[in-house]
Amino acid sequence: MKINLIQFTPYFPPHKWWLETVSEELWKFYTQNNFWEVINVTFDVGQEINNPSPTLPLSLMEGSNKEYINSKSGNIIGYRQKGYIVYLLPSFDIIPNFPVPKFWKKEFWEILRETGLKIKIDRSQEKTIIQTHTRFFLSSLLGWLFAKFHKLKWVHIEHGSDYVILSSKLKNKVSYLYDRLIGKWIFKKADAIVAISEACKKFINNEFFDREVSVFYRWLEIPEVINQKENLKEKFPWKIIIWFVWRLMKWKNVESLIKSYYLIDNSLKEKIQIVIVWDWEDFERLKKIDTENSIYFTWWQNFIDALSYQKQFDIHIHSSSPGWWLATTLLQAMYFWCFIIATPNEWANEVIKNNYNWFLLKNDSINEIKKWIEGALNLLEKREEFSQINKEFINIRFQRDENIKKYFSLYNEL
């Protein structure tokens, strides 16, 4: 039986981190194996085309591998490319990185209507599955409503393993109440739930519902060619590069990394350089904590440029407090042969075993991070031994095709 897949996602490439990568790789695998058609319905925040916008001139269409889809009023509402369709729901960020659909726009309803028309199929010969990602985004709620209206099976992929932790008590309270209402509803109503780690599964079962949850680990895709944006070894000669990369939010605990650096003895401090890649709501606050202007902040970088920095780092710090999901950057550090110091949080204890394939801290405290940064400077000889273990681990556990096949088997069972 042919299986069509309709994904409702908050973001889609070129807006790119882990969630978007899952969506993208699923359609790549589908088209390569001729499983059938993939339709992606996503918010237009972070896209090259933002509604409302005029129809692109023909000069911009020439040489493009995208076939643009126009609304009745002439605005672009999506595109076809490489065997899949992407519809771009008009939206805006009500707060940073939380897109909300402009449901009062005609294009919003036109996209849902067009998507619905594409599933008028012979259900004895074909099956259509609705798939959503991460309970916290409104795209998951929208996917449920669409599945219910069209009487389709719905698979929800959960990426989080804790409640959202933001920069203020008020934000945390609002997000918690939202989670207890919307998040709980999504976990209750989905026909099948996939967690991307054992920690994620435990969170769902312990905090929401004790129900069957499949665990399919994420996969890691590293481009073969990564052009270097900036040479850190030339910028900081004779320095050991210690880094952090990812969204600068409170639960990432970058504050403790910076404060631990300032407690290190000056004789050791002069040997190292802290590099922090990316941005987010905590950026300005973290800059103020760096009172001597000793930390190198690169500001926001796209996915490839962030990788180009990461390949140059000596020591990767996973400083996270208890939070959401296993950071892609930690897996990348394992693949890139970085020396790794990790708190046990965000599932790091599922992939790092202390003194076997790097060092796992007892907690995320300032003193614990400081102690292990100092210790790492005397343990760099272990890098080659541990790095070989990590690369083999990544190539086996986080292999793309085998993990995606598990999704297709689940669709068949529904």
Protein backbone atom coordinates (compact mmCIF):
# COMPACT_ATOMS: atom_id res chain seq x y z
CA MET A 1 0.00 0.00 0.00
CA LYS A 2 1.23 3.49 -0.87
CA ILE A 3 1.53 5.85 2.08
CA ASN A 4 1.19 9.61 1.69
CA LEU A 5 2.67 11.76 4.44
CA ILE A 6 1.42 15.22 5.41
CA GLN A 7 3.69 16.93 7.94
CA PHE A 8 2.60 19.92 9.98
CA THR A 9 5.75 21.63 11.23
CA PRO A 10 6.50 24.98 12.88
CA TYR A 11 9.55 25.48 10.66
CA PHE A 12 11.05 24.05 7.50
CA PRO A 13 14.36 24.65 5.69
CA PRO A 14 15.95 27.07 5.01
CA HIS A 15 15.13 27.74 8.69
CA LYS A 16 17.28 24.88 9.95
CA TRP A 17 18.04 23.03 13.13
CA TRP A 18 17.06 19.62 14.39
CA LEU A 19 13.28 19.58 14.00
CA GLU A 20 13.51 20.94 10.47
CA THR A 21 16.18 18.36 9.62
CA VAL A 22 13.85 15.52 10.62
CA SER A 23 11.12 16.87 8.35
CA GLU A 24 13.55 17.33 5.48
CA GLU A 25 15.21 13.92 5.75
CA LEU A 26 11.85 12.13 5.90
CA TRP A 27 10.83 13.47 2.50
CA LYS A 28 14.29 12.75 1.06
CA PHE A 29 13.98 9.13 2.14
CA TYR A 30 10.40 8.94 0.84
CA THR A 31 11.29 10.22 -2.61
CA GLN A 32 14.42 8.08 -2.88
CA ASN A 33 12.45 4.93 -2.08
CA ASN A 34 9.28 5.85 -4.03
CA PHE A 35 7.03 5.48 -0.97
CA TRP A 36 4.65 8.08 -2.44
CA GLU A 37 3.96 11.76 -1.87
CA VAL A 38 5.05 14.09 0.94
CA ILE A 39 3.29 17.39 1.68
CA ASN A 40 4.78 19.77 4.25
CA VAL A 41 2.55 22.41 5.80
CA THR A 42 4.65 24.90 7.72
CA PHE A 43 4.57 28.48 8.99
CA ASP A 44 6.22 31.00 6.67
CA VAL A 45 8.39 32.52 9.42
CA GLY A 46 12.03 32.09 8.47
CA GLN A 47 11.23 31.28 4.85
CA GLU A 48 12.64 32.94 1.74
CA ILE A 49 9.08 33.90 0.80
CA ASN A 50 6.95 35.63 3.42
CA ASN A 51 3.23 36.25 2.83
CA PRO A 52 1.74 38.57 1.90
CA SER A 53 4.14 38.98 -1.04
CA PRO A 54 3.76 39.61 -4.73
CA THR A 55 4.20 36.85 -7.25
CA LEU A 56 7.90 36.50 -7.99
CA PRO A 57 8.99 37.95 -11.35
CA LEU A 58 9.78 35.43 -14.06
CA SER A 59 13.44 36.46 -13.88
CA LEU A 60 13.62 34.96 -10.40
CA MET A 61 11.92 31.79 -11.56
CA GLU A 62 14.40 31.11 -14.33
CA GLY A 63 17.02 28.57 -13.34
CA SER A 64 15.20 27.78 -10.10
CA ASN A 65 14.33 24.18 -9.26
CA LYS A 66 11.26 25.39 -7.37
CA GLU A 67 7.85 25.54 -8.97
CA TYR A 68 5.96 28.20 -7.05
CA ILE A 69 2.29 27.79 -6.10
CA ASN A 70 0.17 30.94 -6.19
CA SER A 71 -3.05 31.75 -4.37
CA LYS A 72 -6.09 33.00 -6.28
CA SER A 73 -5.07 36.56 -5.38
CA GLY A 74 -1.58 36.02 -6.83
CA ASN A 75 0.41 35.63 -3.62
CA ILE A 76 2.87 32.76 -3.29
CA ILE A 77 1.54 30.13 -0.87
CA GLY A 78 4.11 27.39 -1.42
CA TYR A 79 6.29 25.52 -3.87
CA ARG A 80 7.00 22.11 -5.39
CA GLN A 81 10.54 20.78 -5.39
CA LYS A 82 12.31 17.42 -5.67
CA GLY A 83 9.17 15.34 -5.33
CA TYR A 84 7.54 17.13 -2.43
CA ILE A 85 5.30 20.11 -1.73
CA VAL A 86 5.76 22.84 0.89
CA TYR A 87 2.79 25.05 1.77
CA LEU A 88 3.66 28.24 3.66
CA LEU A 89 0.99 29.28 6.13
CA PRO A 90 1.01 33.06 6.74
CA SER A 91 2.21 33.60 10.30
CA PHE A 92 4.12 35.81 12.72
CA ASP A 93 6.20 35.31 15.87
CA ILE A 94 4.06 36.38 18.81
CA ILE A 95 7.22 35.94 20.91
CA PRO A 96 10.64 35.02 19.51
CA ASN A 97 10.54 31.59 17.87
CA PHE A 98 6.90 30.85 18.59
CA PRO A 99 5.01 31.27 15.29
CA VAL A 100 1.28 31.86 15.28
CA PRO A 101 -0.79 31.44 12.08
CA LYS A 102 -2.63 34.41 10.60
CA PHE A 103 -5.86 32.44 10.45
CA TRP A 104 -7.76 35.54 9.30
CA LYS A 105 -5.86 35.49 6.00
CA LYS A 106 -7.54 33.95 2.95
CA GLU A 107 -4.29 32.18 2.09
CA PHE A 108 -4.38 30.27 5.40
CA TRP A 109 -7.71 28.65 4.56
CA GLU A 110 -6.80 28.19 0.91
CA ILE A 111 -3.73 26.16 1.88
CA LEU A 112 -5.75 23.90 4.19
CA ARG A 113 -8.37 23.45 1.48
CA GLU A 114 -5.72 22.62 -1.15
CA THR A 115 -4.06 20.13 1.19
CA GLY A 116 -7.41 18.50 1.89
CA LEU A 117 -8.14 18.13 -1.82
CA LYS A 118 -4.92 16.19 -2.31
CA ILE A 119 -6.06 13.37 -0.01
CA LYS A 120 -9.28 12.51 -1.83
CA ILE A 121 -7.90 9.07 -2.53
CA ASP A 122 -8.95 5.44 -2.82
CA ARG A 123 -8.35 4.45 0.79
CA SER A 124 -8.21 0.77 -0.16
CA GLN A 125 -5.10 1.47 -2.24
CA GLU A 126 -3.45 4.37 -0.39
CA LYS A 127 -3.07 5.60 3.16
CA THR A 128 -2.46 9.17 4.31
CA ILE A 129 -0.73 9.83 7.61
CA ILE A 130 -0.67 13.20 9.39
CA GLN A 131 2.56 13.84 11.27
CA THR A 132 3.41 16.61 13.73
CA HIS A 133 6.56 17.59 15.64
CA THR A 134 6.90 18.83 19.24
CA ARG A 135 3.81 19.34 21.36
CA PHE A 136 4.59 22.95 22.21
CA PHE A 137 4.09 24.44 18.74
CA LEU A 138 0.67 25.37 17.38
CA SER A 139 1.45 23.38 14.23
CA SER A 140 0.83 20.22 16.28
CA LEU A 141 -2.59 21.42 17.35
CA LEU A 142 -3.36 22.37 13.75
CA GLY A 143 -2.26 18.91 12.57
CA TRP A 144 -4.64 17.27 15.04
CA LEU A 145 -7.58 19.40 13.85
CA PHE A 146 -6.77 18.55 10.22
CA ALA A 147 -6.50 14.82 10.99
CA LYS A 148 -9.79 14.85 12.89
CA PHE A 149 -11.64 16.73 10.14
CA HIS A 150 -10.43 14.35 7.41
CA LYS A 151 -10.60 11.21 9.60
CA LEU A 152 -6.92 10.39 9.16
CA LYS A 153 -4.37 8.67 11.42
CA TRP A 154 -2.06 11.01 13.27
CA VAL A 155 1.54 10.36 14.41
CA HIS A 156 3.12 12.84 16.78
CA ILE A 157 6.92 13.02 17.15
CA GLU A 158 7.96 14.45 20.51
CA HIS A 159 11.39 16.06 20.80
CA GLY A 160 11.18 17.40 24.38
CA SER A 161 11.98 15.76 27.69
CA ASP A 162 11.01 18.52 30.12
CA TYR A 163 8.89 21.61 30.49
CA VAL A 164 10.08 24.75 28.75
CA ILE A 165 12.43 26.89 30.84
CA LEU A 166 12.58 30.56 29.84
CA SER A 167 14.17 33.69 31.26
CA SER A 168 11.42 34.78 33.66
CA LYS A 169 9.02 33.23 36.16
CA LEU A 170 6.03 34.71 34.34
CA LYS A 171 7.08 33.18 31.00
CA ASN A 172 7.70 29.84 32.68
CA LYS A 173 4.27 29.87 34.34
CA VAL A 174 2.48 30.73 31.10
CA SER A 175 4.38 28.05 29.15
CA TYR A 176 3.65 25.48 31.88
CA LEU A 177 -0.09 26.19 31.80
CA TYR A 178 -0.04 26.04 28.00
CA ASP A 179 1.76 22.69 28.19
CA ARG A 180 -0.70 21.22 30.67
CA LEU A 181 -3.55 22.17 28.36
CA ILE A 182 -2.30 21.84 24.77
CA GLY A 183 0.60 19.44 25.34
CA LYS A 184 -1.52 17.04 27.36
CA TRP A 185 -4.26 17.14 24.74
CA ILE A 186 -1.82 16.25 21.96
CA PHE A 187 -0.37 13.30 23.88
CA LYS A 188 -3.88 12.06 24.63
CA LYS A 189 -5.33 12.34 21.12
CA ALA A 190 -2.46 11.21 18.85
CA ASP A 191 -2.94 7.75 17.31
CA ALA A 192 0.76 7.03 17.85
CA ILE A 193 3.57 8.84 19.65
CA VAL A 194 7.25 8.63 18.81
CA ALA A 195 9.83 9.88 21.31
CA ILE A 196 13.34 10.54 20.12
CA SER A 197 14.98 9.27 23.35
CA GLU A 198 14.23 7.17 26.41
CA ALA A 199 14.29 10.35 28.52
CA CYS A 200 11.63 11.86 26.28
CA LYS A 201 9.48 8.73 26.66
CA LYS A 202 9.81 8.86 30.46
CA PHE A 203 8.77 12.51 30.47
CA ILE A 204 5.61 11.75 28.48
CA ASN A 205 4.66 8.78 30.65
CA ASN A 206 5.49 10.38 33.99
CA GLU A 207 4.10 13.88 33.41
CA PHE A 208 1.19 13.30 31.02
CA PHE A 209 -0.03 9.79 30.12
CA ASP A 210 1.18 6.27 30.72
CA ARG A 211 0.64 5.02 27.18
CA GLU A 212 2.62 3.22 24.51
CA VAL A 213 5.42 5.39 23.14
CA SER A 214 7.89 4.22 20.49
CA VAL A 215 11.51 5.38 20.77
CA PHE A 216 13.25 6.12 17.46
CA TYR A 217 16.57 7.85 17.94
CA ARG A 218 17.38 10.85 15.84
CA TRP A 219 19.93 10.63 13.07
CA LEU A 220 22.90 12.82 12.32
CA GLU A 221 23.63 14.31 8.91
CA ILE A 222 26.98 16.06 8.46
CA PRO A 223 27.76 17.60 5.04
CA GLU A 224 30.87 16.19 3.38
CA VAL A 225 32.15 19.66 2.53
CA ILE A 226 32.12 22.40 5.18
CA ASN A 227 33.77 25.65 4.15
CA GLN A 228 35.56 27.44 6.96
CA LYS A 229 34.03 30.82 7.74
CA GLU A 230 36.70 31.99 10.18
CA ASN A 231 40.01 30.45 11.31
CA LEU A 232 39.91 30.41 15.10
CA LYS A 233 43.43 29.01 15.40
CA GLU A 234 44.74 32.09 13.61
CA LYS A 235 42.48 34.40 15.59
CA PHE A 236 43.52 32.84 18.91
CA PRO A 237 47.01 31.37 18.35
CA TRP A 238 48.37 29.03 21.02
CA LYS A 239 44.98 28.84 22.69
CA ILE A 240 42.90 25.78 23.56
CA ILE A 241 39.45 26.52 22.14
CA ILE A 242 36.57 25.76 24.51
CA TRP A 243 33.15 26.33 23.07
CA PHE A 244 29.41 26.29 23.42
CA VAL A 245 26.93 26.38 20.55
CA TRP A 246 23.13 26.45 20.52
CA ARG A 247 20.29 28.68 21.56
CA LEU A 248 21.23 30.98 24.40
CA MET A 249 18.32 30.24 26.70
CA LYS A 250 18.35 29.89 30.45
CA TRP A 251 18.16 26.10 30.57
CA LYS A 252 21.32 25.86 28.41
CA ASN A 253 23.14 27.17 31.49
CA VAL A 254 25.77 29.16 29.57
CA GLU A 255 25.80 31.55 32.52
CA SER A 256 27.48 28.85 34.64
CA LEU A 257 30.05 28.22 31.92
CA ILE A 258 31.01 31.90 31.84
CA LYS A 259 31.10 32.23 35.62
CA SER A 260 33.20 29.08 35.96
CA TYR A 261 35.69 30.54 33.48
CA TYR A 262 36.12 33.60 35.66
CA LEU A 263 36.94 31.41 38.67
CA ILE A 264 39.75 29.54 36.93
CA ASP A 265 43.28 30.37 38.02
CA ASN A 266 44.87 33.00 35.77
CA SER A 267 47.78 30.72 34.85
CA LEU A 268 45.30 28.28 33.29
CA LYS A 269 42.88 30.90 32.02
CA GLU A 270 45.52 32.41 29.71
CA LYS A 271 45.81 29.05 27.92
CA ILE A 272 42.17 28.87 26.85
CA GLN A 273 39.64 30.82 24.82
CA ILE A 274 35.88 30.48 25.34
CA VAL A 275 33.88 30.76 22.10
CA ILE A 276 30.07 30.97 22.17
CA VAL A 277 28.23 30.46 18.91
CA TRP A 278 24.64 31.57 18.29
CA ASP A 279 22.13 33.84 19.99
CA TRP A 280 18.69 33.89 21.62
CA GLU A 281 16.89 35.66 24.42
CA ASP A 282 19.79 35.38 26.92
CA PHE A 283 22.42 36.91 24.64
CA GLU A 284 22.49 40.44 26.12
CA ARG A 285 22.40 39.15 29.69
CA LEU A 286 25.32 36.79 29.03
CA LYS A 287 27.35 39.60 27.48
CA LYS A 288 26.97 41.57 30.71
CA ILE A 289 28.22 38.60 32.76
CA ASP A 290 31.39 38.64 30.65
CA THR A 291 32.67 41.65 32.60
CA GLU A 292 36.21 41.59 31.13
CA ASN A 293 35.04 41.06 27.56
CA SER A 294 37.08 37.85 27.41
CA ILE A 295 34.49 35.60 25.74
CA TYR A 296 34.28 35.53 21.95
CA PHE A 297 30.60 35.67 20.93
CA THR A 298 30.07 34.94 17.24
CA TRP A 299 26.38 35.94 17.32
CA TRP A 300 23.90 34.01 15.16
CA GLN A 301 25.34 31.58 12.58
CA ASN A 302 23.56 29.40 10.06
CA PHE A 303 23.84 25.61 10.31
CA ILE A 304 26.86 25.20 7.99
CA ASP A 305 28.80 28.13 9.46
CA ALA A 306 28.18 26.83 12.99
CA LEU A 307 29.61 23.48 11.89
CA SER A 308 32.66 25.22 10.45
CA TYR A 309 33.34 26.71 13.88
CA GLN A 310 32.68 23.46 15.70
CA LYS A 311 35.22 21.50 13.65
CA GLN A 312 37.94 23.79 15.04
CA PHE A 313 37.12 23.42 18.72
CA ASP A 314 39.26 21.46 21.13
CA ILE A 315 36.84 21.09 24.06
CA HIS A 316 33.04 20.99 23.74
CA ILE A 317 31.07 22.05 26.83
CA HIS A 318 27.55 20.63 27.20
CA SER A 319 26.49 22.83 30.12
CA SER A 320 22.72 22.22 30.05
CA SER A 321 20.41 22.17 33.02
CA PRO A 322 17.45 19.74 32.90
CA GLY A 323 15.57 20.59 29.73
CA TRP A 324 14.27 19.47 26.38
CA TRP A 325 16.11 17.22 23.97
CA LEU A 326 19.50 15.74 23.21
CA ALA A 327 21.40 18.60 21.62
CA THR A 328 22.42 17.99 18.02
CA THR A 329 25.59 19.90 18.83
CA LEU A 330 26.61 17.24 21.35
CA LEU A 331 26.24 14.51 18.72
CA GLN A 332 28.18 16.66 16.26
CA ALA A 333 30.96 17.09 18.83
CA MET A 334 31.12 13.31 19.20
CA TYR A 335 31.38 12.97 15.42
CA PHE A 336 33.97 15.75 15.10
CA TRP A 337 36.42 14.26 17.62
CA CYS A 338 35.98 17.09 20.14
CA PHE A 339 37.04 16.55 23.77
CA ILE A 340 33.67 16.56 25.58
CA ILE A 341 32.65 17.71 29.05
CA ALA A 342 28.93 17.20 29.62
CA THR A 343 26.39 17.63 32.35
CA PRO A 344 24.06 14.59 32.53
CA ASN A 345 21.10 16.69 31.39
CA GLU A 346 19.27 16.81 28.05
CA TRP A 347 19.89 13.07 27.67
CA ALA A 348 23.67 13.40 27.54
CA ASN A 349 23.80 10.44 29.94
CA GLU A 350 22.23 8.31 27.19
CA VAL A 351 25.22 8.82 24.89
CA ILE A 352 28.12 9.71 27.23
CA LYS A 353 29.53 7.23 29.75
CA ASN A 354 31.97 8.79 32.18
CA ASN A 355 35.61 8.06 31.44
CA TYR A 356 34.62 5.71 28.60
CA ASN A 357 33.77 8.09 25.77
CA TRP A 358 34.27 11.44 27.58
CA PHE A 359 33.47 12.96 30.91
CA LEU A 360 30.04 13.25 32.48
CA LEU A 361 29.62 15.79 35.27
CA LYS A 362 27.66 15.11 38.45
CA ASN A 363 25.51 18.20 37.95
CA ASP A 364 25.36 21.57 36.17
CA SER A 365 26.87 23.70 38.94
CA ILE A 366 29.51 26.36 38.41
CA ASN A 367 32.06 24.56 40.57
CA GLU A 368 31.55 21.24 38.78
CA ILE A 369 32.04 22.84 35.35
CA LYS A 370 35.12 24.75 36.60
CA LYS A 371 36.67 21.59 38.06
CA TRP A 372 36.34 19.67 34.82
CA ILE A 373 37.58 22.48 32.58
CA GLU A 374 40.71 22.59 34.70
CA GLY A 375 40.97 18.80 34.61
CA ALA A 376 40.47 18.62 30.86
CA LEU A 377 43.64 20.61 30.24
CA ASN A 378 45.60 17.70 31.73
CA LEU A 379 43.64 14.95 29.95
CA LEU A 380 43.83 15.97 26.30
CA GLU A 381 45.84 12.85 25.50
CA LYS A 382 42.61 10.82 25.83
CA ARG A 383 41.10 12.63 22.86
CA GLU A 384 42.09 10.16 20.14
CA GLU A 385 41.02 7.08 22.12
CA PHE A 386 37.60 8.42 23.10
CA SER A 387 36.96 10.06 19.75
CA GLN A 388 37.27 6.76 17.90
CA ILE A 389 34.68 5.20 20.23
CA ASN A 390 32.33 8.14 19.65
CA LYS A 391 32.56 8.10 15.88
CA GLU A 392 31.71 4.39 15.76
CA PHE A 393 28.83 4.97 18.20
CA ILE A 394 27.37 7.77 16.05
CA ASN A 395 27.69 5.74 12.84
CA ILE A 396 25.75 2.81 14.39
CA ARG A 397 23.15 4.35 16.70
CA PHE A 398 22.34 7.45 14.68
CA GLN A 399 22.31 6.04 11.16
CA ARG A 400 19.66 7.78 9.08
CA ASP A 401 18.10 5.15 6.83
CA GLU A 402 17.59 2.51 9.52
CA ASN A 403 15.86 4.97 11.83
CA ILE A 404 13.59 6.34 9.09
CA LYS A 405 12.55 2.79 8.11
CA LYS A 406 11.12 2.45 11.62
CA TYR A 407 8.75 5.34 10.87
CA PHE A 408 7.52 3.67 7.69
CA SER A 409 6.87 0.43 9.59
CA LEU A 410 4.84 2.36 12.15
CA TYR A 411 2.75 4.00 9.40
CA ASN A 412 1.98 0.56 7.98
CA GLU A 413 0.72 -0.66 11.36
CA LEU A 414 -1.81 2.14 11.83
